[in-house]
Amino acid sequence: MPLAASGVVLAVALAAYAMVKFYGIAFLGQARGARHAHESGRWERSAMALLSVACIVLGLFPAEV
């Protein structure tokens, strides 16, 4: 039983660490690296558009698929 409890405590501690790190990156604006941000290319936008159209079609006509 004490071994299982220590495993649970370790898992909770690691999850808390990951959530604090995620919060810092997502909401406090800390950069993850020194990479330069750029606009997405034509192929990236077209793939996103195709997936969004597929989601809309599947949402409107679910019985036909």
N, C-alpha and C. Protein backbone atom coordinates (compact mmCIF):
# COMPACT_ATOMS: atom_id res chain seq x y z
N MET A 1 0.81 -1.20 0.00
CA MET A 1 0.00 0.00 0.00
C MET A 1 0.86 1.27 0.00
N PRO A 2 1.91 1.36 0.81
CA PRO A 2 2.72 2.58 0.78
C PRO A 2 3.41 2.78 -0.58
N LEU A 3 3.74 1.70 -1.25
CA LEU A 3 4.37 1.83 -2.57
C LEU A 3 3.38 2.40 -3.58
N ALA A 4 2.14 1.97 -3.52
CA ALA A 4 1.12 2.49 -4.43
C ALA A 4 0.85 3.97 -4.13
N ALA A 5 0.82 4.33 -2.87
CA ALA A 5 0.58 5.73 -2.49
C ALA A 5 1.72 6.61 -2.97
N SER A 6 2.94 6.13 -2.85
CA SER A 6 4.07 6.93 -3.33
C SER A 6 4.05 7.07 -4.85
N GLY A 7 3.57 6.05 -5.54
CA GLY A 7 3.42 6.15 -6.99
C GLY A 7 2.38 7.18 -7.38
N VAL A 8 1.28 7.22 -6.63
CA VAL A 8 0.24 8.20 -6.89
C VAL A 8 0.76 9.61 -6.62
N VAL A 9 1.49 9.78 -5.53
CA VAL A 9 2.06 11.09 -5.21
C VAL A 9 3.04 11.53 -6.29
N LEU A 10 3.85 10.63 -6.78
CA LEU A 10 4.78 10.95 -7.85
C LEU A 10 4.04 11.36 -9.13
N ALA A 11 2.99 10.64 -9.47
CA ALA A 11 2.21 10.97 -10.66
C ALA A 11 1.55 12.34 -10.53
N VAL A 12 1.02 12.64 -9.35
CA VAL A 12 0.38 13.93 -9.12
C VAL A 12 1.42 15.05 -9.20
N ALA A 13 2.59 14.83 -8.66
CA ALA A 13 3.64 15.85 -8.70
C ALA A 13 4.09 16.11 -10.13
N LEU A 14 4.26 15.08 -10.93
CA LEU A 14 4.65 15.26 -12.32
C LEU A 14 3.56 15.95 -13.13
N ALA A 15 2.30 15.61 -12.86
CA ALA A 15 1.19 16.26 -13.55
C ALA A 15 1.12 17.74 -13.17
N ALA A 16 1.34 18.05 -11.90
CA ALA A 16 1.32 19.44 -11.47
C ALA A 16 2.44 20.22 -12.13
N TYR A 17 3.61 19.64 -12.22
CA TYR A 17 4.74 20.29 -12.89
C TYR A 17 4.40 20.58 -14.35
N ALA A 18 3.81 19.60 -15.03
CA ALA A 18 3.48 19.77 -16.44
C ALA A 18 2.42 20.86 -16.62
N MET A 19 1.44 20.92 -15.72
CA MET A 19 0.39 21.93 -15.83
C MET A 19 0.93 23.33 -15.57
N VAL A 20 1.84 23.47 -14.62
CA VAL A 20 2.43 24.78 -14.36
C VAL A 20 3.27 25.22 -15.55
N LYS A 21 3.99 24.31 -16.15
CA LYS A 21 4.79 24.64 -17.33
C LYS A 21 3.88 25.00 -18.50
N PHE A 22 2.81 24.26 -18.69
CA PHE A 22 1.85 24.56 -19.76
C PHE A 22 1.21 25.93 -19.54
N TYR A 23 0.83 26.24 -18.32
CA TYR A 23 0.23 27.53 -18.02
C TYR A 23 1.20 28.66 -18.35
N GLY A 24 2.44 28.49 -17.99
CA GLY A 24 3.44 29.51 -18.27
C GLY A 24 3.64 29.74 -19.75
N ILE A 25 3.64 28.68 -20.52
CA ILE A 25 3.85 28.81 -21.96
C ILE A 25 2.60 29.38 -22.63
N ALA A 26 1.43 28.88 -22.25
CA ALA A 26 0.21 29.26 -22.96
C ALA A 26 -0.31 30.64 -22.56
N PHE A 27 -0.28 30.97 -21.28
CA PHE A 27 -0.96 32.17 -20.83
C PHE A 27 -0.02 33.30 -20.43
N LEU A 28 1.20 33.00 -20.09
CA LEU A 28 2.13 34.05 -19.69
C LEU A 28 3.03 34.49 -20.83
N GLY A 29 2.97 33.80 -21.94
CA GLY A 29 3.69 34.22 -23.12
C GLY A 29 5.17 33.90 -23.11
N GLN A 30 5.60 32.93 -22.36
CA GLN A 30 7.01 32.57 -22.36
C GLN A 30 7.32 31.81 -23.65
N ALA A 31 8.35 32.21 -24.32
CA ALA A 31 8.73 31.56 -25.58
C ALA A 31 9.35 30.21 -25.30
N ARG A 32 9.07 29.24 -26.17
CA ARG A 32 9.65 27.92 -26.03
C ARG A 32 11.02 27.83 -26.67
N GLY A 33 11.28 28.65 -27.65
CA GLY A 33 12.56 28.59 -28.34
C GLY A 33 12.83 29.89 -29.07
N ALA A 34 13.93 29.91 -29.77
CA ALA A 34 14.35 31.12 -30.47
C ALA A 34 13.93 31.10 -31.94
N ARG A 35 12.94 30.29 -32.28
CA ARG A 35 12.52 30.21 -33.67
C ARG A 35 11.73 31.45 -34.06
N HIS A 36 11.85 31.83 -35.31
CA HIS A 36 11.15 33.00 -35.83
C HIS A 36 9.77 32.58 -36.32
N ALA A 37 8.73 33.28 -35.90
CA ALA A 37 7.37 32.98 -36.33
C ALA A 37 7.16 33.46 -37.76
N HIS A 38 6.39 32.72 -38.52
CA HIS A 38 6.10 33.08 -39.90
C HIS A 38 4.68 32.70 -40.24
N GLU A 39 4.17 33.27 -41.32
CA GLU A 39 2.84 32.94 -41.78
C GLU A 39 2.83 31.54 -42.39
N SER A 40 1.69 30.90 -42.33
CA SER A 40 1.60 29.57 -42.93
C SER A 40 1.53 29.71 -44.44
N GLY A 41 2.01 28.68 -45.11
CA GLY A 41 2.06 28.69 -46.56
C GLY A 41 0.72 28.33 -47.19
N ARG A 42 0.70 28.37 -48.51
CA ARG A 42 -0.53 28.07 -49.26
C ARG A 42 -0.99 26.63 -49.02
N TRP A 43 -0.06 25.68 -49.00
CA TRP A 43 -0.43 24.28 -48.83
C TRP A 43 -0.96 24.02 -47.42
N GLU A 44 -0.39 24.67 -46.45
CA GLU A 44 -0.86 24.50 -45.08
C GLU A 44 -2.27 25.05 -44.92
N ARG A 45 -2.53 26.22 -45.50
CA ARG A 45 -3.87 26.81 -45.41
C ARG A 45 -4.89 25.99 -46.20
N SER A 46 -4.49 25.46 -47.35
CA SER A 46 -5.43 24.67 -48.14
C SER A 46 -5.77 23.35 -47.44
N ALA A 47 -4.81 22.76 -46.77
CA ALA A 47 -5.09 21.54 -46.02
C ALA A 47 -6.05 21.82 -44.86
N MET A 48 -5.85 22.95 -44.18
CA MET A 48 -6.74 23.32 -43.10
C MET A 48 -8.15 23.61 -43.63
N ALA A 49 -8.24 24.26 -44.77
CA ALA A 49 -9.55 24.55 -45.37
C ALA A 49 -10.25 23.26 -45.77
N LEU A 50 -9.51 22.31 -46.35
CA LEU A 50 -10.11 21.03 -46.73
C LEU A 50 -10.64 20.28 -45.52
N LEU A 51 -9.89 20.26 -44.43
CA LEU A 51 -10.35 19.59 -43.22
C LEU A 51 -11.56 20.29 -42.62
N SER A 52 -11.59 21.62 -42.67
CA SER A 52 -12.74 22.33 -42.11
C SER A 52 -13.98 22.10 -42.96
N VAL A 53 -13.84 22.06 -44.27
CA VAL A 53 -14.98 21.76 -45.14
C VAL A 53 -15.48 20.34 -44.88
N ALA A 54 -14.58 19.41 -44.70
CA ALA A 54 -14.98 18.04 -44.40
C ALA A 54 -15.73 17.96 -43.07
N CYS A 55 -15.30 18.72 -42.07
CA CYS A 55 -16.01 18.74 -40.78
C CYS A 55 -17.40 19.32 -40.93
N ILE A 56 -17.53 20.39 -41.71
CA ILE A 56 -18.84 21.00 -41.92
C ILE A 56 -19.78 20.05 -42.65
N VAL A 57 -19.28 19.40 -43.71
CA VAL A 57 -20.10 18.46 -44.47
C VAL A 57 -20.52 17.28 -43.59
N LEU A 58 -19.60 16.75 -42.80
CA LEU A 58 -19.95 15.63 -41.93
C LEU A 58 -20.92 16.07 -40.83
N GLY A 59 -20.84 17.31 -40.40
CA GLY A 59 -21.76 17.81 -39.38
C GLY A 59 -23.16 18.04 -39.93
N LEU A 60 -23.24 18.49 -41.19
CA LEU A 60 -24.54 18.76 -41.78
C LEU A 60 -25.23 17.52 -42.34
N PHE A 61 -24.44 16.59 -42.85
CA PHE A 61 -24.99 15.39 -43.46
C PHE A 61 -24.37 14.12 -42.86
N PRO A 62 -24.62 13.82 -41.60
CA PRO A 62 -23.96 12.66 -40.98
C PRO A 62 -24.52 11.31 -41.45
N ALA A 63 -25.75 11.27 -41.90
CA ALA A 63 -26.36 9.99 -42.28
C ALA A 63 -25.85 9.50 -43.63
N GLU A 64 -25.39 10.40 -44.49
CA GLU A 64 -24.96 9.99 -45.82
C GLU A 64 -23.56 9.40 -45.85
N VAL A 65 -22.83 9.53 -44.77
CA VAL A 65 -21.45 9.06 -44.76
C VAL A 65 -21.35 7.69 -44.16
